[in-house]
Amino acid sequence: MAKSGRRISPRLKFQVVLQLLSGGKTPAQIGKAYGVHPNSVGLWKKRFLEQGPEIFQNESSGSEAERKLAEMERLLGKKEVEIALLKNFLGRGA
């Protein structure tokens, strides 16, 4: 009977797909070695090939997030200086 409901880690799926892409073994051979159905191996490969470009698109959004974080940190520093100046102006001292 099949092993239904078993969770397979993304790392293992990636390893299986890499082995399949490297050639030399069929999906059936790889599936048997890892204890997964050959159809699953084929589906993982298909998904990997279809979504591969999206992996590299996220790199640019990471640098975008870093840029936004740096801008927010700059604004926070500016506001802290403004608050200190206002406190000093009002005679409260920091």
C-alpha atoms as a PDB file:
ATOM      1  CA  MET A   1       0.000   0.000   0.000  1.00  0.00           C
ATOM      2  CA  ALA A   2       1.197   3.524  -0.800  1.00  0.00           C
ATOM      3  CA  LYS A   3       2.579   5.864   1.841  1.00  0.00           C
ATOM      4  CA  SER A   4      -0.191   8.442   1.676  1.00  0.00           C
ATOM      5  CA  GLY A   5      -0.166  11.619   3.743  1.00  0.00           C
ATOM      6  CA  ARG A   6       3.582  11.563   4.267  1.00  0.00           C
ATOM      7  CA  ARG A   7       5.205  14.992   4.312  1.00  0.00           C
ATOM      8  CA  ILE A   8       8.387  15.327   2.301  1.00  0.00           C
ATOM      9  CA  SER A   9      10.663  18.241   3.058  1.00  0.00           C
ATOM     10  CA  PRO A  10      11.398  20.827   0.384  1.00  0.00           C
ATOM     11  CA  ARG A  11      15.095  20.078   0.811  1.00  0.00           C
ATOM     12  CA  LEU A  12      14.564  16.410  -0.053  1.00  0.00           C
ATOM     13  CA  LYS A  13      12.404  17.331  -3.062  1.00  0.00           C
ATOM     14  CA  PHE A  14      15.136  19.668  -4.258  1.00  0.00           C
ATOM     15  CA  GLN A  15      17.760  16.947  -3.835  1.00  0.00           C
ATOM     16  CA  VAL A  16      15.606  14.469  -5.785  1.00  0.00           C
ATOM     17  CA  VAL A  17      15.071  16.956  -8.630  1.00  0.00           C
ATOM     18  CA  LEU A  18      18.775  17.775  -8.803  1.00  0.00           C
ATOM     19  CA  GLN A  19      19.607  14.112  -9.051  1.00  0.00           C
ATOM     20  CA  LEU A  20      17.032  13.690 -11.809  1.00  0.00           C
ATOM     21  CA  LEU A  21      18.369  16.706 -13.727  1.00  0.00           C
ATOM     22  CA  SER A  22      21.939  15.470 -13.458  1.00  0.00           C
ATOM     23  CA  GLY A  23      20.911  12.504 -15.581  1.00  0.00           C
ATOM     24  CA  GLY A  24      21.977   8.908 -15.392  1.00  0.00           C
ATOM     25  CA  LYS A  25      18.899   7.638 -13.551  1.00  0.00           C
ATOM     26  CA  THR A  26      15.255   7.423 -14.430  1.00  0.00           C
ATOM     27  CA  PRO A  27      12.485   8.858 -12.266  1.00  0.00           C
ATOM     28  CA  ALA A  28      11.597   5.292 -11.313  1.00  0.00           C
ATOM     29  CA  GLN A  29      15.132   4.570 -10.081  1.00  0.00           C
ATOM     30  CA  ILE A  30      15.336   7.816  -8.136  1.00  0.00           C
ATOM     31  CA  GLY A  31      11.851   7.330  -6.695  1.00  0.00           C
ATOM     32  CA  LYS A  32      12.754   3.858  -5.501  1.00  0.00           C
ATOM     33  CA  ALA A  33      15.984   5.120  -3.917  1.00  0.00           C
ATOM     34  CA  TYR A  34      14.158   7.843  -1.979  1.00  0.00           C
ATOM     35  CA  GLY A  35      10.953   5.941  -1.318  1.00  0.00           C
ATOM     36  CA  VAL A  36       8.711   8.226  -3.372  1.00  0.00           C
ATOM     37  CA  HIS A  37       6.487   7.572  -6.348  1.00  0.00           C
ATOM     38  CA  PRO A  38       8.085   8.210  -9.765  1.00  0.00           C
ATOM     39  CA  ASN A  39       5.123  10.423 -10.706  1.00  0.00           C
ATOM     40  CA  SER A  40       5.940  12.653  -7.737  1.00  0.00           C
ATOM     41  CA  VAL A  41       9.517  12.938  -8.954  1.00  0.00           C
ATOM     42  CA  GLY A  42       8.263  14.047 -12.369  1.00  0.00           C
ATOM     43  CA  LEU A  43       5.836  16.556 -10.854  1.00  0.00           C
ATOM     44  CA  TRP A  44       8.572  18.052  -8.669  1.00  0.00           C
ATOM     45  CA  LYS A  45      10.833  18.414 -11.699  1.00  0.00           C
ATOM     46  CA  LYS A  46       8.066  20.101 -13.696  1.00  0.00           C
ATOM     47  CA  ARG A  47       7.312  22.503 -10.832  1.00  0.00           C
ATOM     48  CA  PHE A  48      10.998  23.274 -10.367  1.00  0.00           C
ATOM     49  CA  LEU A  49      11.485  24.067 -14.039  1.00  0.00           C
ATOM     50  CA  GLU A  50       8.342  26.228 -14.176  1.00  0.00           C
ATOM     51  CA  GLN A  51       9.042  28.186 -10.997  1.00  0.00           C
ATOM     52  CA  GLY A  52      12.823  28.390 -11.302  1.00  0.00           C
ATOM     53  CA  PRO A  53      12.884  31.937 -12.706  1.00  0.00           C
ATOM     54  CA  GLU A  54      10.776  33.162  -9.759  1.00  0.00           C
ATOM     55  CA  ILE A  55      13.523  32.096  -7.368  1.00  0.00           C
ATOM     56  CA  PHE A  56      15.919  34.556  -8.958  1.00  0.00           C
ATOM     57  CA  GLN A  57      13.338  37.331  -9.166  1.00  0.00           C
ATOM     58  CA  ASN A  58      13.172  37.377  -5.370  1.00  0.00           C
ATOM     59  CA  GLU A  59      16.839  38.410  -5.198  1.00  0.00           C
ATOM     60  CA  SER A  60      16.023  41.879  -6.510  1.00  0.00           C
ATOM     61  CA  SER A  61      13.129  42.263  -4.077  1.00  0.00           C
ATOM     62  CA  GLY A  62      15.531  41.426  -1.248  1.00  0.00           C
ATOM     63  CA  SER A  63      17.744  44.357  -2.169  1.00  0.00           C
ATOM     64  CA  GLU A  64      14.607  46.486  -2.491  1.00  0.00           C
ATOM     65  CA  ALA A  65      13.627  45.535   1.061  1.00  0.00           C
ATOM     66  CA  GLU A  66      17.118  46.423   2.278  1.00  0.00           C
ATOM     67  CA  ARG A  67      16.876  49.805   0.555  1.00  0.00           C
ATOM     68  CA  LYS A  68      13.505  50.505   2.186  1.00  0.00           C
ATOM     69  CA  LEU A  69      14.869  49.499   5.588  1.00  0.00           C
ATOM     70  CA  ALA A  70      17.840  51.841   5.196  1.00  0.00           C
ATOM     71  CA  GLU A  71      15.510  54.686   4.199  1.00  0.00           C
ATOM     72  CA  MET A  72      13.279  54.066   7.230  1.00  0.00           C
ATOM     73  CA  GLU A  73      16.303  53.983   9.549  1.00  0.00           C
ATOM     74  CA  ARG A  74      17.447  57.309   8.080  1.00  0.00           C
ATOM     75  CA  LEU A  75      14.007  58.835   8.652  1.00  0.00           C
ATOM     76  CA  LEU A  76      13.928  57.511  12.220  1.00  0.00           C
ATOM     77  CA  GLY A  77      17.287  59.108  12.942  1.00  0.00           C
ATOM     78  CA  LYS A  78      16.067  62.389  11.487  1.00  0.00           C
ATOM     79  CA  LYS A  79      12.957  62.314  13.682  1.00  0.00           C
ATOM     80  CA  GLU A  80      15.046  61.573  16.790  1.00  0.00           C
ATOM     81  CA  VAL A  81      17.165  64.653  16.055  1.00  0.00           C
ATOM     82  CA  GLU A  82      14.027  66.777  15.561  1.00  0.00           C
ATOM     83  CA  ILE A  83      12.586  65.565  18.879  1.00  0.00           C
ATOM     84  CA  ALA A  84      15.837  66.357  20.692  1.00  0.00           C
ATOM     85  CA  LEU A  85      15.909  69.858  19.178  1.00  0.00           C
ATOM     86  CA  LEU A  86      12.283  70.510  20.174  1.00  0.00           C
ATOM     87  CA  LYS A  87      12.913  69.308  23.716  1.00  0.00           C
ATOM     88  CA  ASN A  88      15.940  71.590  23.915  1.00  0.00           C
ATOM     89  CA  PHE A  89      13.921  74.489  22.504  1.00  0.00           C
ATOM     90  CA  LEU A  90      11.189  73.949  25.094  1.00  0.00           C
ATOM     91  CA  GLY A  91      13.810  73.948  27.846  1.00  0.00           C
ATOM     92  CA  ARG A  92      13.328  70.357  28.942  1.00  0.00           C
ATOM     93  CA  GLY A  93      16.774  69.114  28.036  1.00  0.00           C
ATOM     94  CA  ALA A  94      17.399  65.521  27.104  1.00  0.00           C
END
